[in-house]
N, C-alpha and C. Protein backbone atom coordinates (compact mmCIF):
# COMPACT_ATOMS: atom_id res chain seq x y z
N UNK A 1 165.01 14.12 134.36
CA UNK A 1 163.80 14.62 133.71
C UNK A 1 162.82 15.05 134.80
N UNK A 2 162.33 16.27 134.69
CA UNK A 2 161.39 16.77 135.70
C UNK A 2 159.99 16.24 135.43
N UNK A 3 159.11 16.41 136.42
CA UNK A 3 157.71 16.00 136.25
C UNK A 3 157.09 16.72 135.06
N UNK A 4 157.42 17.99 134.88
CA UNK A 4 156.86 18.75 133.76
C UNK A 4 157.24 18.14 132.43
N UNK A 5 158.49 17.72 132.30
CA UNK A 5 158.91 17.14 131.03
C UNK A 5 158.25 15.79 130.80
N UNK A 6 158.07 14.99 131.83
CA UNK A 6 157.37 13.71 131.67
C UNK A 6 155.93 13.95 131.23
N UNK A 7 155.26 14.93 131.81
CA UNK A 7 153.86 15.19 131.49
C UNK A 7 153.68 15.87 130.14
N UNK A 8 154.78 16.28 129.52
CA UNK A 8 154.70 16.93 128.22
C UNK A 8 154.74 15.90 127.08
N UNK A 9 154.45 14.63 127.39
CA UNK A 9 154.43 13.60 126.37
C UNK A 9 153.38 13.94 125.30
N UNK A 10 153.59 13.37 124.13
CA UNK A 10 152.65 13.58 123.03
C UNK A 10 151.24 13.15 123.40
N UNK A 11 150.28 13.83 122.82
CA UNK A 11 148.88 13.43 122.89
C UNK A 11 148.51 12.97 121.48
N UNK A 12 148.09 11.72 121.35
CA UNK A 12 147.74 11.19 120.04
C UNK A 12 146.24 11.10 119.88
N UNK A 13 145.75 11.53 118.72
CA UNK A 13 144.34 11.39 118.35
C UNK A 13 144.31 10.54 117.08
N UNK A 14 143.17 10.42 116.47
CA UNK A 14 143.06 9.59 115.28
C UNK A 14 144.03 10.02 114.18
N UNK A 15 144.08 11.32 113.89
CA UNK A 15 144.92 11.81 112.79
C UNK A 15 146.08 12.68 113.22
N UNK A 16 146.08 13.11 114.47
CA UNK A 16 147.03 14.13 114.93
C UNK A 16 147.91 13.64 116.07
N UNK A 17 149.07 14.26 116.15
CA UNK A 17 149.90 14.20 117.35
C UNK A 17 149.99 15.63 117.85
N UNK A 18 149.65 15.83 119.12
CA UNK A 18 149.79 17.14 119.76
C UNK A 18 151.09 17.11 120.54
N UNK A 19 152.10 17.80 120.02
CA UNK A 19 153.46 17.73 120.57
C UNK A 19 153.86 19.06 121.16
N UNK A 20 154.26 19.03 122.42
CA UNK A 20 154.68 20.22 123.14
C UNK A 20 155.90 20.86 122.46
N UNK A 21 155.86 22.16 122.33
CA UNK A 21 157.03 22.89 121.85
C UNK A 21 157.93 23.15 123.05
N UNK A 22 159.15 22.71 122.96
CA UNK A 22 160.11 22.93 124.04
C UNK A 22 160.45 24.41 124.13
N UNK A 23 160.99 24.85 125.26
CA UNK A 23 161.45 26.25 125.34
C UNK A 23 162.42 26.61 124.21
N UNK A 24 163.29 25.68 123.82
CA UNK A 24 164.22 25.94 122.72
C UNK A 24 163.48 26.14 121.40
N UNK A 25 162.46 25.32 121.16
CA UNK A 25 161.67 25.46 119.93
C UNK A 25 160.91 26.77 119.92
N UNK A 26 160.37 27.15 121.07
CA UNK A 26 159.65 28.42 121.18
C UNK A 26 160.58 29.59 120.85
N UNK A 27 161.77 29.57 121.44
CA UNK A 27 162.73 30.65 121.20
C UNK A 27 163.15 30.67 119.73
N UNK A 28 163.41 29.52 119.15
CA UNK A 28 163.79 29.47 117.74
C UNK A 28 162.67 30.01 116.85
N UNK A 29 161.43 29.66 117.18
CA UNK A 29 160.29 30.18 116.42
C UNK A 29 160.19 31.68 116.49
N UNK A 30 160.45 32.23 117.67
CA UNK A 30 160.39 33.69 117.83
C UNK A 30 161.49 34.39 117.02
N UNK A 31 162.59 33.70 116.82
CA UNK A 31 163.68 34.26 116.03
C UNK A 31 163.51 33.98 114.54
N UNK A 32 162.45 33.26 114.18
CA UNK A 32 162.19 32.96 112.79
C UNK A 32 162.98 31.77 112.25
N UNK A 33 163.58 31.00 113.13
CA UNK A 33 164.39 29.85 112.73
C UNK A 33 163.52 28.59 112.68
N UNK A 34 162.71 28.51 111.64
CA UNK A 34 161.75 27.40 111.54
C UNK A 34 162.42 26.05 111.37
N UNK A 35 163.60 26.00 110.79
CA UNK A 35 164.32 24.72 110.64
C UNK A 35 164.64 24.14 112.02
N UNK A 36 165.00 24.99 112.96
CA UNK A 36 165.29 24.50 114.32
C UNK A 36 164.00 24.00 114.96
N UNK A 37 162.90 24.71 114.75
CA UNK A 37 161.61 24.26 115.27
C UNK A 37 161.27 22.91 114.67
N UNK A 38 161.52 22.75 113.37
CA UNK A 38 161.26 21.47 112.71
C UNK A 38 162.09 20.35 113.33
N UNK A 39 163.35 20.63 113.61
CA UNK A 39 164.21 19.62 114.23
C UNK A 39 163.70 19.24 115.61
N UNK A 40 163.27 20.23 116.36
CA UNK A 40 162.74 19.96 117.71
C UNK A 40 161.45 19.14 117.66
N UNK A 41 160.60 19.43 116.70
CA UNK A 41 159.30 18.75 116.60
C UNK A 41 159.36 17.45 115.81
N UNK A 42 160.34 17.30 114.94
CA UNK A 42 160.36 16.16 114.05
C UNK A 42 159.25 16.24 113.01
N UNK A 43 158.93 17.46 112.60
CA UNK A 43 157.83 17.68 111.65
C UNK A 43 158.12 18.95 110.86
N UNK A 44 157.54 19.03 109.66
CA UNK A 44 157.64 20.25 108.86
C UNK A 44 156.80 21.34 109.51
N UNK A 45 157.30 22.55 109.48
CA UNK A 45 156.61 23.69 110.08
C UNK A 45 156.42 24.76 109.01
N UNK A 46 155.16 25.09 108.70
CA UNK A 46 154.92 26.11 107.68
C UNK A 46 155.20 27.52 108.21
N UNK A 47 155.32 28.44 107.30
CA UNK A 47 155.61 29.84 107.62
C UNK A 47 154.53 30.45 108.50
N UNK A 48 153.34 29.86 108.51
CA UNK A 48 152.22 30.38 109.31
C UNK A 48 152.64 30.64 110.76
N UNK A 49 153.48 29.77 111.32
CA UNK A 49 153.90 29.93 112.71
C UNK A 49 154.69 31.21 112.90
N UNK A 50 155.58 31.53 111.99
CA UNK A 50 156.40 32.74 112.10
C UNK A 50 155.61 34.00 111.78
N UNK A 51 154.58 33.86 110.94
CA UNK A 51 153.80 35.02 110.55
C UNK A 51 152.89 35.53 111.66
N UNK A 52 152.56 34.68 112.62
CA UNK A 52 151.74 35.09 113.76
C UNK A 52 152.33 34.47 115.03
N UNK A 53 153.40 35.07 115.56
CA UNK A 53 154.11 34.47 116.68
C UNK A 53 153.51 34.77 118.06
N UNK A 54 152.30 35.30 118.12
CA UNK A 54 151.71 35.66 119.42
C UNK A 54 151.68 34.47 120.38
N UNK A 55 151.35 33.29 119.88
CA UNK A 55 151.29 32.11 120.76
C UNK A 55 152.67 31.78 121.32
N UNK A 56 153.71 32.01 120.54
CA UNK A 56 155.07 31.75 121.01
C UNK A 56 155.50 32.77 122.06
N UNK A 57 155.14 34.04 121.84
CA UNK A 57 155.45 35.07 122.85
C UNK A 57 154.74 34.76 124.17
N UNK A 58 153.47 34.36 124.06
CA UNK A 58 152.69 34.03 125.25
C UNK A 58 153.32 32.85 125.99
N UNK A 59 153.68 31.80 125.24
CA UNK A 59 154.27 30.62 125.86
C UNK A 59 155.57 30.96 126.56
N UNK A 60 156.42 31.74 125.91
CA UNK A 60 157.69 32.11 126.53
C UNK A 60 157.45 32.88 127.83
N UNK A 61 156.55 33.84 127.81
CA UNK A 61 156.26 34.63 129.02
C UNK A 61 155.72 33.75 130.14
N UNK A 62 154.79 32.86 129.82
CA UNK A 62 154.21 31.97 130.85
C UNK A 62 155.28 31.04 131.42
N UNK A 63 156.12 30.47 130.54
CA UNK A 63 157.17 29.56 131.01
C UNK A 63 158.24 30.29 131.82
N UNK A 64 158.53 31.53 131.46
CA UNK A 64 159.47 32.32 132.26
C UNK A 64 158.92 32.54 133.67
N UNK A 65 157.62 32.78 133.76
CA UNK A 65 156.98 33.02 135.06
C UNK A 65 156.71 31.73 135.82
N UNK A 66 156.51 30.62 135.11
CA UNK A 66 156.11 29.37 135.74
C UNK A 66 156.59 28.19 134.91
N UNK A 67 157.79 27.66 135.17
CA UNK A 67 158.31 26.53 134.40
C UNK A 67 157.42 25.28 134.46
N UNK A 68 156.61 25.17 135.50
CA UNK A 68 155.70 24.01 135.61
C UNK A 68 154.52 24.10 134.63
N UNK A 69 154.42 25.20 133.92
CA UNK A 69 153.38 25.39 132.91
C UNK A 69 153.64 24.53 131.65
N UNK A 70 154.84 24.01 131.47
CA UNK A 70 155.22 23.35 130.23
C UNK A 70 154.21 22.35 129.68
N UNK A 71 153.69 21.40 130.46
CA UNK A 71 152.76 20.44 129.83
C UNK A 71 151.45 21.08 129.36
N UNK A 72 151.13 22.25 129.86
CA UNK A 72 149.91 22.97 129.49
C UNK A 72 150.17 23.95 128.35
N UNK A 73 151.42 24.16 128.02
CA UNK A 73 151.84 25.16 127.04
C UNK A 73 151.49 24.73 125.61
N UNK A 74 151.94 25.55 124.68
CA UNK A 74 151.60 25.35 123.27
C UNK A 74 152.10 24.00 122.75
N UNK A 75 151.21 23.36 122.01
CA UNK A 75 151.52 22.09 121.35
C UNK A 75 151.25 22.24 119.86
N UNK A 76 152.17 21.73 119.08
CA UNK A 76 151.96 21.69 117.63
C UNK A 76 150.92 20.64 117.32
N UNK A 77 149.98 20.97 116.43
CA UNK A 77 149.08 19.96 115.86
C UNK A 77 149.82 19.40 114.66
N UNK A 78 150.23 18.16 114.75
CA UNK A 78 151.00 17.53 113.68
C UNK A 78 150.14 16.47 113.01
N UNK A 79 149.96 16.61 111.73
CA UNK A 79 149.24 15.63 110.94
C UNK A 79 150.17 14.43 110.76
N UNK A 80 149.80 13.30 111.37
CA UNK A 80 150.71 12.15 111.40
C UNK A 80 151.03 11.59 110.01
N UNK A 81 150.08 11.62 109.09
CA UNK A 81 150.33 11.06 107.76
C UNK A 81 151.44 11.78 107.02
N UNK A 82 151.52 13.09 107.17
CA UNK A 82 152.52 13.87 106.44
C UNK A 82 153.59 14.47 107.34
N UNK A 83 153.44 14.33 108.65
CA UNK A 83 154.37 14.91 109.63
C UNK A 83 154.56 16.41 109.37
N UNK A 84 153.42 17.10 109.22
CA UNK A 84 153.42 18.54 109.01
C UNK A 84 152.61 19.21 110.11
N UNK A 85 153.13 20.29 110.64
CA UNK A 85 152.41 21.08 111.63
C UNK A 85 151.28 21.81 110.91
N UNK A 86 150.05 21.63 111.41
CA UNK A 86 148.89 22.24 110.74
C UNK A 86 148.21 23.28 111.62
N UNK A 87 148.75 23.51 112.81
CA UNK A 87 148.18 24.48 113.74
C UNK A 87 148.77 24.27 115.11
N UNK A 88 148.14 24.86 116.12
CA UNK A 88 148.62 24.68 117.49
C UNK A 88 147.45 24.80 118.45
N UNK A 89 147.66 24.23 119.63
CA UNK A 89 146.67 24.25 120.70
C UNK A 89 147.41 24.45 122.01
N UNK A 90 146.74 25.09 122.97
CA UNK A 90 147.37 25.31 124.27
C UNK A 90 146.30 25.50 125.32
N UNK A 91 146.72 25.35 126.54
CA UNK A 91 145.93 25.78 127.69
C UNK A 91 146.51 27.13 128.08
N UNK A 92 145.67 28.08 128.42
CA UNK A 92 146.15 29.43 128.71
C UNK A 92 146.98 29.48 130.00
N UNK A 93 146.64 28.62 130.95
CA UNK A 93 147.34 28.57 132.24
C UNK A 93 147.27 27.13 132.75
N UNK A 94 147.84 26.93 133.90
CA UNK A 94 147.56 25.67 134.60
C UNK A 94 146.14 25.77 135.16
N UNK A 95 145.57 24.66 135.63
CA UNK A 95 144.16 24.66 136.07
C UNK A 95 143.86 25.61 137.23
N UNK A 96 142.62 26.05 137.26
CA UNK A 96 142.01 26.85 138.32
C UNK A 96 142.62 28.24 138.50
N UNK A 97 142.87 28.96 137.40
CA UNK A 97 143.36 30.32 137.57
C UNK A 97 142.24 31.21 138.09
N UNK A 98 142.61 32.21 138.83
CA UNK A 98 141.63 33.09 139.44
C UNK A 98 140.70 33.74 138.41
N UNK A 99 141.20 34.09 137.25
CA UNK A 99 140.36 34.80 136.27
C UNK A 99 139.19 33.94 135.77
N UNK A 100 139.26 32.62 135.95
CA UNK A 100 138.15 31.75 135.52
C UNK A 100 137.15 31.45 136.63
N UNK A 101 137.43 31.86 137.85
CA UNK A 101 136.56 31.54 138.98
C UNK A 101 135.12 32.04 138.79
N UNK A 102 134.94 33.12 138.08
CA UNK A 102 133.58 33.63 137.85
C UNK A 102 132.75 32.67 136.99
N UNK A 103 133.43 31.83 136.21
CA UNK A 103 132.74 30.89 135.33
C UNK A 103 132.71 29.48 135.90
N UNK A 104 133.83 29.04 136.48
CA UNK A 104 133.91 27.68 137.02
C UNK A 104 135.21 27.50 137.79
N UNK A 105 135.12 26.88 138.95
CA UNK A 105 136.32 26.54 139.71
C UNK A 105 136.92 25.26 139.12
N UNK A 106 138.23 25.15 139.19
CA UNK A 106 138.92 23.96 138.71
C UNK A 106 139.01 23.86 137.20
N UNK A 107 138.64 24.92 136.51
CA UNK A 107 138.63 24.89 135.04
C UNK A 107 139.99 25.27 134.47
N UNK A 108 140.14 25.02 133.19
CA UNK A 108 141.31 25.45 132.44
C UNK A 108 140.81 25.91 131.07
N UNK A 109 141.44 26.96 130.54
CA UNK A 109 141.01 27.53 129.27
C UNK A 109 141.89 27.04 128.12
N UNK A 110 141.26 26.72 127.01
CA UNK A 110 141.94 26.26 125.81
C UNK A 110 141.95 27.35 124.75
N UNK A 111 143.00 27.36 123.95
CA UNK A 111 143.08 28.21 122.78
C UNK A 111 143.68 27.41 121.64
N UNK A 112 143.33 27.71 120.41
CA UNK A 112 143.79 26.90 119.29
C UNK A 112 143.72 27.69 118.00
N UNK A 113 144.56 27.27 117.06
CA UNK A 113 144.57 27.82 115.71
C UNK A 113 144.85 26.67 114.76
N UNK A 114 144.04 26.57 113.72
CA UNK A 114 144.34 25.67 112.61
C UNK A 114 144.73 26.59 111.45
N UNK A 115 145.89 26.33 110.86
CA UNK A 115 146.36 27.16 109.77
C UNK A 115 145.37 27.09 108.61
N UNK A 116 145.24 28.20 107.88
CA UNK A 116 144.19 28.37 106.86
C UNK A 116 144.08 27.22 105.87
N UNK A 117 145.19 26.69 105.43
CA UNK A 117 145.16 25.62 104.42
C UNK A 117 144.56 24.32 104.94
N UNK A 118 144.35 24.21 106.25
CA UNK A 118 143.88 22.95 106.84
C UNK A 118 142.53 23.07 107.53
N UNK A 119 141.88 24.19 107.39
CA UNK A 119 140.60 24.40 108.07
C UNK A 119 139.47 23.61 107.42
N UNK A 120 138.39 23.48 108.18
CA UNK A 120 137.15 22.83 107.73
C UNK A 120 137.34 21.35 107.45
N UNK A 121 138.22 20.71 108.25
CA UNK A 121 138.44 19.27 108.11
C UNK A 121 138.29 18.55 109.46
N UNK A 122 137.83 19.31 110.47
CA UNK A 122 137.61 18.70 111.78
C UNK A 122 138.84 18.61 112.67
N UNK A 123 139.95 19.22 112.27
CA UNK A 123 141.17 19.13 113.06
C UNK A 123 141.06 19.85 114.40
N UNK A 124 140.41 21.01 114.42
CA UNK A 124 140.27 21.74 115.68
C UNK A 124 139.48 20.91 116.69
N UNK A 125 138.38 20.36 116.25
CA UNK A 125 137.54 19.55 117.13
C UNK A 125 138.32 18.33 117.64
N UNK A 126 139.07 17.70 116.77
CA UNK A 126 139.87 16.53 117.15
C UNK A 126 140.96 16.90 118.16
N UNK A 127 141.63 18.03 117.92
CA UNK A 127 142.68 18.48 118.84
C UNK A 127 142.09 18.87 120.20
N UNK A 128 140.97 19.58 120.19
CA UNK A 128 140.31 19.94 121.44
C UNK A 128 139.92 18.70 122.24
N UNK A 129 139.35 17.73 121.57
CA UNK A 129 138.95 16.49 122.24
C UNK A 129 140.16 15.79 122.84
N UNK A 130 141.24 15.70 122.07
CA UNK A 130 142.46 15.07 122.58
C UNK A 130 143.04 15.78 123.79
N UNK A 131 143.09 17.11 123.73
CA UNK A 131 143.63 17.89 124.84
C UNK A 131 142.76 17.76 126.09
N UNK A 132 141.44 17.79 125.90
CA UNK A 132 140.54 17.64 127.06
C UNK A 132 140.65 16.24 127.65
N UNK A 133 140.75 15.21 126.82
CA UNK A 133 140.90 13.85 127.34
C UNK A 133 142.20 13.71 128.12
N UNK A 134 143.28 14.32 127.63
CA UNK A 134 144.56 14.31 128.34
C UNK A 134 144.41 14.97 129.71
N UNK A 135 143.80 16.16 129.74
CA UNK A 135 143.64 16.88 131.00
C UNK A 135 142.78 16.10 131.99
N UNK A 136 141.76 15.43 131.49
CA UNK A 136 140.90 14.62 132.36
C UNK A 136 141.65 13.40 132.87
N UNK A 137 142.27 12.67 131.97
CA UNK A 137 142.94 11.42 132.35
C UNK A 137 144.16 11.64 133.25
N UNK A 138 144.98 12.60 132.90
CA UNK A 138 146.24 12.82 133.64
C UNK A 138 146.05 13.69 134.88
N UNK A 139 145.15 14.68 134.80
CA UNK A 139 145.04 15.67 135.88
C UNK A 139 143.66 15.75 136.52
N UNK A 140 142.71 14.98 136.04
CA UNK A 140 141.37 14.99 136.62
C UNK A 140 140.57 16.26 136.35
N UNK A 141 140.96 17.02 135.35
CA UNK A 141 140.26 18.26 135.02
C UNK A 141 138.97 17.92 134.29
N UNK A 142 137.88 18.49 134.76
CA UNK A 142 136.57 18.20 134.19
C UNK A 142 135.85 19.43 133.64
N UNK A 143 136.45 20.59 133.78
CA UNK A 143 135.83 21.82 133.30
C UNK A 143 136.77 22.54 132.37
N UNK A 144 136.23 22.92 131.23
CA UNK A 144 137.03 23.55 130.19
C UNK A 144 136.34 24.80 129.70
N UNK A 145 137.13 25.84 129.48
CA UNK A 145 136.64 27.13 129.01
C UNK A 145 137.30 27.42 127.67
N UNK A 146 136.54 28.02 126.78
CA UNK A 146 137.07 28.53 125.52
C UNK A 146 136.37 29.86 125.26
N UNK A 147 137.05 30.76 124.59
CA UNK A 147 136.43 32.04 124.26
C UNK A 147 136.67 32.33 122.78
N UNK A 148 135.71 33.00 122.19
CA UNK A 148 135.81 33.33 120.77
C UNK A 148 134.97 34.56 120.47
N UNK A 149 135.42 35.32 119.52
CA UNK A 149 134.65 36.46 119.03
C UNK A 149 133.35 35.94 118.42
N UNK A 150 132.25 36.66 118.62
CA UNK A 150 130.98 36.22 118.03
C UNK A 150 131.05 36.09 116.51
N UNK A 151 131.98 36.79 115.87
CA UNK A 151 132.11 36.76 114.41
C UNK A 151 133.14 35.73 113.93
N UNK A 152 133.76 35.00 114.84
CA UNK A 152 134.81 34.06 114.47
C UNK A 152 134.25 32.64 114.39
N UNK A 153 133.56 32.34 113.30
CA UNK A 153 132.96 31.01 113.14
C UNK A 153 133.97 29.88 113.13
N UNK A 154 135.18 30.04 112.54
CA UNK A 154 136.14 28.94 112.59
C UNK A 154 136.51 28.54 114.02
N UNK A 155 136.47 29.48 114.96
CA UNK A 155 136.77 29.15 116.35
C UNK A 155 135.55 28.70 117.13
N UNK A 156 134.41 29.32 116.89
CA UNK A 156 133.22 28.99 117.69
C UNK A 156 132.54 27.70 117.24
N UNK A 157 132.68 27.33 115.98
CA UNK A 157 132.03 26.13 115.48
C UNK A 157 132.52 24.84 116.17
N UNK A 158 133.83 24.61 116.28
CA UNK A 158 134.27 23.38 116.95
C UNK A 158 133.84 23.30 118.42
N UNK A 159 133.88 24.41 119.12
CA UNK A 159 133.50 24.35 120.53
C UNK A 159 132.00 24.11 120.68
N UNK A 160 131.20 24.65 119.76
CA UNK A 160 129.76 24.38 119.79
C UNK A 160 129.49 22.90 119.53
N UNK A 161 130.20 22.32 118.57
CA UNK A 161 130.03 20.90 118.25
C UNK A 161 130.42 20.00 119.41
N UNK A 162 131.32 20.48 120.27
CA UNK A 162 131.78 19.68 121.41
C UNK A 162 130.93 19.89 122.66
N UNK A 163 129.86 20.68 122.54
CA UNK A 163 128.94 20.83 123.67
C UNK A 163 129.29 21.92 124.66
N UNK A 164 130.18 22.84 124.28
CA UNK A 164 130.43 24.00 125.14
C UNK A 164 129.17 24.86 125.12
N UNK A 165 128.88 25.49 126.24
CA UNK A 165 127.72 26.39 126.30
C UNK A 165 128.19 27.78 126.71
N UNK A 166 127.54 28.78 126.15
CA UNK A 166 127.91 30.16 126.45
C UNK A 166 127.55 30.48 127.90
N UNK A 167 128.53 31.03 128.64
CA UNK A 167 128.32 31.37 130.05
C UNK A 167 128.61 32.83 130.35
N UNK A 168 129.04 33.58 129.34
CA UNK A 168 129.33 34.99 129.57
C UNK A 168 130.04 35.61 128.39
N UNK A 169 130.48 36.83 128.59
CA UNK A 169 131.28 37.50 127.58
C UNK A 169 132.29 38.38 128.28
N UNK A 170 133.33 38.72 127.55
CA UNK A 170 134.41 39.54 128.10
C UNK A 170 134.96 40.43 127.00
N UNK A 171 135.69 41.44 127.41
CA UNK A 171 136.35 42.32 126.46
C UNK A 171 137.82 41.95 126.42
N UNK A 172 138.26 41.44 125.27
CA UNK A 172 139.66 41.08 125.07
C UNK A 172 140.39 42.29 124.50
N UNK A 173 141.56 42.58 125.03
CA UNK A 173 142.31 43.76 124.60
C UNK A 173 142.66 43.72 123.11
N UNK A 174 142.81 42.55 122.55
CA UNK A 174 143.19 42.42 121.14
C UNK A 174 141.97 42.14 120.26
N UNK A 175 141.14 41.20 120.68
CA UNK A 175 140.04 40.72 119.83
C UNK A 175 138.71 41.41 120.06
N UNK A 176 138.61 42.27 121.07
CA UNK A 176 137.33 42.92 121.36
C UNK A 176 136.41 42.00 122.14
N UNK A 177 135.11 42.10 121.89
CA UNK A 177 134.13 41.27 122.59
C UNK A 177 134.35 39.81 122.24
N UNK A 178 134.40 38.97 123.26
CA UNK A 178 134.47 37.53 123.09
C UNK A 178 133.40 36.88 123.94
N UNK A 179 132.80 35.83 123.41
CA UNK A 179 131.89 35.01 124.20
C UNK A 179 132.72 33.98 124.94
N UNK A 180 132.32 33.69 126.16
CA UNK A 180 133.00 32.70 126.99
C UNK A 180 132.12 31.47 127.04
N UNK A 181 132.72 30.32 126.75
CA UNK A 181 132.01 29.05 126.70
C UNK A 181 132.59 28.09 127.73
N UNK A 182 131.73 27.25 128.30
CA UNK A 182 132.14 26.28 129.32
C UNK A 182 131.67 24.90 128.91
N UNK A 183 132.50 23.92 129.17
CA UNK A 183 132.09 22.52 129.01
C UNK A 183 132.45 21.78 130.28
N UNK A 184 131.43 21.19 130.88
CA UNK A 184 131.58 20.30 132.03
C UNK A 184 131.65 18.89 131.47
N UNK A 185 132.75 18.20 131.68
CA UNK A 185 132.92 16.86 131.15
C UNK A 185 132.38 15.85 132.16
N UNK A 186 131.58 14.93 131.70
CA UNK A 186 131.04 13.83 132.51
C UNK A 186 130.32 14.32 133.73
N UNK A 187 129.54 15.40 133.60
CA UNK A 187 128.67 15.86 134.67
C UNK A 187 129.37 16.35 135.92
N UNK A 188 130.62 16.82 135.80
CA UNK A 188 131.33 17.34 136.97
C UNK A 188 130.56 18.51 137.55
N UNK A 189 130.59 18.62 138.85
CA UNK A 189 129.88 19.75 139.47
C UNK A 189 130.83 20.74 140.07
């Protein structure tokens, strides 16, 4: 077992398990084989994952370029009570990528989706908190970046509640204008 596989252990929060999708699960998801993804995750996977596979394409490309990215890659948000995938969360890269230097050194960017049927229940905020605690505890990361369209309240609301502050804006090729938010955990400088 490599260091990457050891670090890809589950992240548990009050209601969720954040479970890394293996390269095999990612590939199966891209092919639309949700039963295989379910077997890999040990959880039910709704059609939502296949209907918007961008996160899977991104994960496959990042892992092809950098196998050590695995613990930072896409994780299923699994509701422990029902063992159902309700969304996903990921870090865009490993820590301190050059594109974030303008906002903060040593940072890592988070992205997340809660499937429509599960929104407005605090799952995004809980998953973000769990992922940030993992990055802090395991890797000493104290700076986190998130970006969201100014019109995307489901994405911007959880990051605002967690104390992220707007530090800039950027033009995303897919989403257009996005605000960039930063959170310094425990007063890191």
